[in-house]
Amino acid sequence: MRAPRFAHSSEEELAQLLDFYRVDWRYEPRCFPIAWDRYGNVVESFTPDFYLPEFDLYLEVTVLRPRLQTRKNRKLRLLRATHPGINVKLFTRRDVERLFSRLAARSAAG
């Protein structure tokens, strides 16, 4: 299987972390329609970054500054409203930094 082309280095780092902990993942496996025009044509969609099949969980990773996350948050709200059975979690810059710093501390101690 060919390695995916990640949109951002933070996605690649998360993929490496998931690999290290042997968590099965898929990169951008599904695109969800979230808005339609009056004729029923899809006019907006959302593709979460990762899918973790074992947890039936989609992850969206963003390292945008909080004030720039408005568009992404709006898309997540639309995704949850139009596809209520989809389990999705947003990983913000702060979430990613905390995760990596905790793991780095464990590695240094271990």
C-alpha atoms as a PDB file:
ATOM      1  CA  MET A   1       0.000   0.000   0.000  1.00  0.00           C
ATOM      2  CA  ARG A   2       1.296   3.444  -0.963  1.00  0.00           C
ATOM      3  CA  ALA A   3       1.762   6.029   1.772  1.00  0.00           C
ATOM      4  CA  PRO A   4      -0.798   8.845   1.580  1.00  0.00           C
ATOM      5  CA  ARG A   5       0.128  12.414   0.725  1.00  0.00           C
ATOM      6  CA  PHE A   6      -0.738  14.290   3.860  1.00  0.00           C
ATOM      7  CA  ALA A   7      -2.039  17.840   3.610  1.00  0.00           C
ATOM      8  CA  HIS A   8      -0.039  18.952   6.656  1.00  0.00           C
ATOM      9  CA  SER A   9       2.908  17.668   8.675  1.00  0.00           C
ATOM     10  CA  SER A  10       0.707  17.428  11.783  1.00  0.00           C
ATOM     11  CA  GLU A  11      -1.365  14.770   9.983  1.00  0.00           C
ATOM     12  CA  GLU A  12       1.746  12.803   9.116  1.00  0.00           C
ATOM     13  CA  GLU A  13       2.963  13.016  12.725  1.00  0.00           C
ATOM     14  CA  LEU A  14      -0.393  11.750  13.995  1.00  0.00           C
ATOM     15  CA  ALA A  15      -0.276   8.870  11.479  1.00  0.00           C
ATOM     16  CA  GLN A  16       3.198   7.929  12.763  1.00  0.00           C
ATOM     17  CA  LEU A  17       1.911   8.028  16.315  1.00  0.00           C
ATOM     18  CA  LEU A  18      -1.051   5.823  15.432  1.00  0.00           C
ATOM     19  CA  ASP A  19       1.324   3.403  13.702  1.00  0.00           C
ATOM     20  CA  PHE A  20       3.592   3.337  16.751  1.00  0.00           C
ATOM     21  CA  TYR A  21       0.655   2.343  18.961  1.00  0.00           C
ATOM     22  CA  ARG A  22      -0.614  -0.073  16.286  1.00  0.00           C
ATOM     23  CA  VAL A  23      -3.908   1.723  15.827  1.00  0.00           C
ATOM     24  CA  ASP A  24      -5.429   0.893  12.449  1.00  0.00           C
ATOM     25  CA  TRP A  25      -6.283   4.056  10.486  1.00  0.00           C
ATOM     26  CA  ARG A  26      -7.398   5.263   7.094  1.00  0.00           C
ATOM     27  CA  TYR A  27      -6.507   8.653   5.653  1.00  0.00           C
ATOM     28  CA  GLU A  28      -9.418  10.666   4.245  1.00  0.00           C
ATOM     29  CA  PRO A  29     -11.429   7.541   3.390  1.00  0.00           C
ATOM     30  CA  ARG A  30     -14.826   9.179   3.014  1.00  0.00           C
ATOM     31  CA  CYS A  31     -16.266  12.482   1.914  1.00  0.00           C
ATOM     32  CA  PHE A  32     -19.580  13.483   3.510  1.00  0.00           C
ATOM     33  CA  PRO A  33     -22.015  15.833   1.780  1.00  0.00           C
ATOM     34  CA  ILE A  34     -23.078  18.548   4.241  1.00  0.00           C
ATOM     35  CA  ALA A  35     -24.975  21.110   2.129  1.00  0.00           C
ATOM     36  CA  TRP A  36     -27.206  20.903  -0.925  1.00  0.00           C
ATOM     37  CA  ASP A  37     -28.758  23.410  -3.266  1.00  0.00           C
ATOM     38  CA  ARG A  38     -32.503  23.568  -3.834  1.00  0.00           C
ATOM     39  CA  TYR A  39     -32.213  20.931  -6.581  1.00  0.00           C
ATOM     40  CA  GLY A  40     -30.531  18.406  -4.295  1.00  0.00           C
ATOM     41  CA  ASN A  41     -27.037  18.862  -5.714  1.00  0.00           C
ATOM     42  CA  VAL A  42     -24.187  18.688  -3.209  1.00  0.00           C
ATOM     43  CA  VAL A  43     -22.648  22.149  -2.840  1.00  0.00           C
ATOM     44  CA  GLU A  44     -20.437  21.498   0.171  1.00  0.00           C
ATOM     45  CA  SER A  45     -18.791  18.447   1.659  1.00  0.00           C
ATOM     46  CA  PHE A  46     -16.432  17.530   4.472  1.00  0.00           C
ATOM     47  CA  THR A  47     -13.656  14.934   4.471  1.00  0.00           C
ATOM     48  CA  PRO A  48     -12.285  14.125   7.936  1.00  0.00           C
ATOM     49  CA  ASP A  49      -8.540  13.458   8.017  1.00  0.00           C
ATOM     50  CA  PHE A  50      -8.555  10.028   9.639  1.00  0.00           C
ATOM     51  CA  TYR A  51     -10.874   7.123  10.302  1.00  0.00           C
ATOM     52  CA  LEU A  52     -10.068   4.678  13.107  1.00  0.00           C
ATOM     53  CA  PRO A  53     -12.097   1.544  12.266  1.00  0.00           C
ATOM     54  CA  GLU A  54     -11.505  -0.118  15.648  1.00  0.00           C
ATOM     55  CA  PHE A  55     -13.210   2.824  17.378  1.00  0.00           C
ATOM     56  CA  ASP A  56     -15.591   3.777  14.547  1.00  0.00           C
ATOM     57  CA  LEU A  57     -14.192   7.282  14.965  1.00  0.00           C
ATOM     58  CA  TYR A  58     -13.270  10.016  12.509  1.00  0.00           C
ATOM     59  CA  LEU A  59     -10.558  12.504  13.457  1.00  0.00           C
ATOM     60  CA  GLU A  60     -10.099  15.960  12.018  1.00  0.00           C
ATOM     61  CA  VAL A  61      -6.721  17.531  12.787  1.00  0.00           C
ATOM     62  CA  THR A  62      -6.300  21.287  12.695  1.00  0.00           C
ATOM     63  CA  VAL A  63      -3.365  23.406  13.726  1.00  0.00           C
ATOM     64  CA  LEU A  64      -5.115  26.647  12.830  1.00  0.00           C
ATOM     65  CA  ARG A  65      -5.145  29.366  15.433  1.00  0.00           C
ATOM     66  CA  PRO A  66      -8.398  29.258  17.417  1.00  0.00           C
ATOM     67  CA  ARG A  67      -9.789  32.419  15.798  1.00  0.00           C
ATOM     68  CA  LEU A  68      -9.260  30.867  12.343  1.00  0.00           C
ATOM     69  CA  GLN A  69     -11.133  27.657  13.186  1.00  0.00           C
ATOM     70  CA  THR A  70     -14.598  29.131  12.607  1.00  0.00           C
ATOM     71  CA  ARG A  71     -15.018  27.610   9.138  1.00  0.00           C
ATOM     72  CA  LYS A  72     -13.878  24.170  10.271  1.00  0.00           C
ATOM     73  CA  ASN A  73     -16.160  24.268  13.321  1.00  0.00           C
ATOM     74  CA  ARG A  74     -19.094  25.227  11.086  1.00  0.00           C
ATOM     75  CA  LYS A  75     -18.396  22.264   8.814  1.00  0.00           C
ATOM     76  CA  LEU A  76     -18.203  19.921  11.817  1.00  0.00           C
ATOM     77  CA  ARG A  77     -21.560  21.216  13.089  1.00  0.00           C
ATOM     78  CA  LEU A  78     -23.079  20.606   9.647  1.00  0.00           C
ATOM     79  CA  LEU A  79     -21.560  17.115   9.528  1.00  0.00           C
ATOM     80  CA  ARG A  80     -23.032  16.258  12.925  1.00  0.00           C
ATOM     81  CA  ALA A  81     -26.421  17.698  11.942  1.00  0.00           C
ATOM     82  CA  THR A  82     -26.637  15.945   8.563  1.00  0.00           C
ATOM     83  CA  HIS A  83     -24.986  12.663   9.614  1.00  0.00           C
ATOM     84  CA  PRO A  84     -25.868  12.191  13.300  1.00  0.00           C
ATOM     85  CA  GLY A  85     -24.550   8.626  13.382  1.00  0.00           C
ATOM     86  CA  ILE A  86     -20.999   9.706  12.516  1.00  0.00           C
ATOM     87  CA  ASN A  87     -18.608   9.899  15.441  1.00  0.00           C
ATOM     88  CA  VAL A  88     -16.088  12.671  14.777  1.00  0.00           C
ATOM     89  CA  LYS A  89     -13.545  14.408  17.018  1.00  0.00           C
ATOM     90  CA  LEU A  90     -11.674  17.608  16.268  1.00  0.00           C
ATOM     91  CA  PHE A  91      -8.016  17.612  17.311  1.00  0.00           C
ATOM     92  CA  THR A  92      -6.925  21.231  17.688  1.00  0.00           C
ATOM     93  CA  ARG A  93      -3.393  22.591  17.791  1.00  0.00           C
ATOM     94  CA  ARG A  94      -3.552  22.472  21.592  1.00  0.00           C
ATOM     95  CA  ASP A  95      -4.781  18.829  21.586  1.00  0.00           C
ATOM     96  CA  VAL A  96      -1.993  17.792  19.222  1.00  0.00           C
ATOM     97  CA  GLU A  97       0.691  19.632  21.223  1.00  0.00           C
ATOM     98  CA  ARG A  98      -0.515  18.111  24.511  1.00  0.00           C
ATOM     99  CA  LEU A  99      -0.593  14.628  23.049  1.00  0.00           C
ATOM    100  CA  PHE A 100       2.907  14.866  21.607  1.00  0.00           C
ATOM    101  CA  SER A 101       4.379  16.460  24.739  1.00  0.00           C
ATOM    102  CA  ARG A 102       2.881  13.751  26.969  1.00  0.00           C
ATOM    103  CA  LEU A 103       4.226  11.032  24.740  1.00  0.00           C
ATOM    104  CA  ALA A 104       7.649  12.677  24.542  1.00  0.00           C
ATOM    105  CA  ALA A 105       7.741  12.876  28.351  1.00  0.00           C
ATOM    106  CA  ARG A 106       6.861   9.178  28.607  1.00  0.00           C
ATOM    107  CA  SER A 107       9.558   8.260  26.103  1.00  0.00           C
ATOM    108  CA  ALA A 108      12.168  10.303  27.993  1.00  0.00           C
ATOM    109  CA  ALA A 109      11.177   8.712  31.310  1.00  0.00           C
ATOM    110  CA  GLY A 110      10.935   5.209  29.902  1.00  0.00           C
END
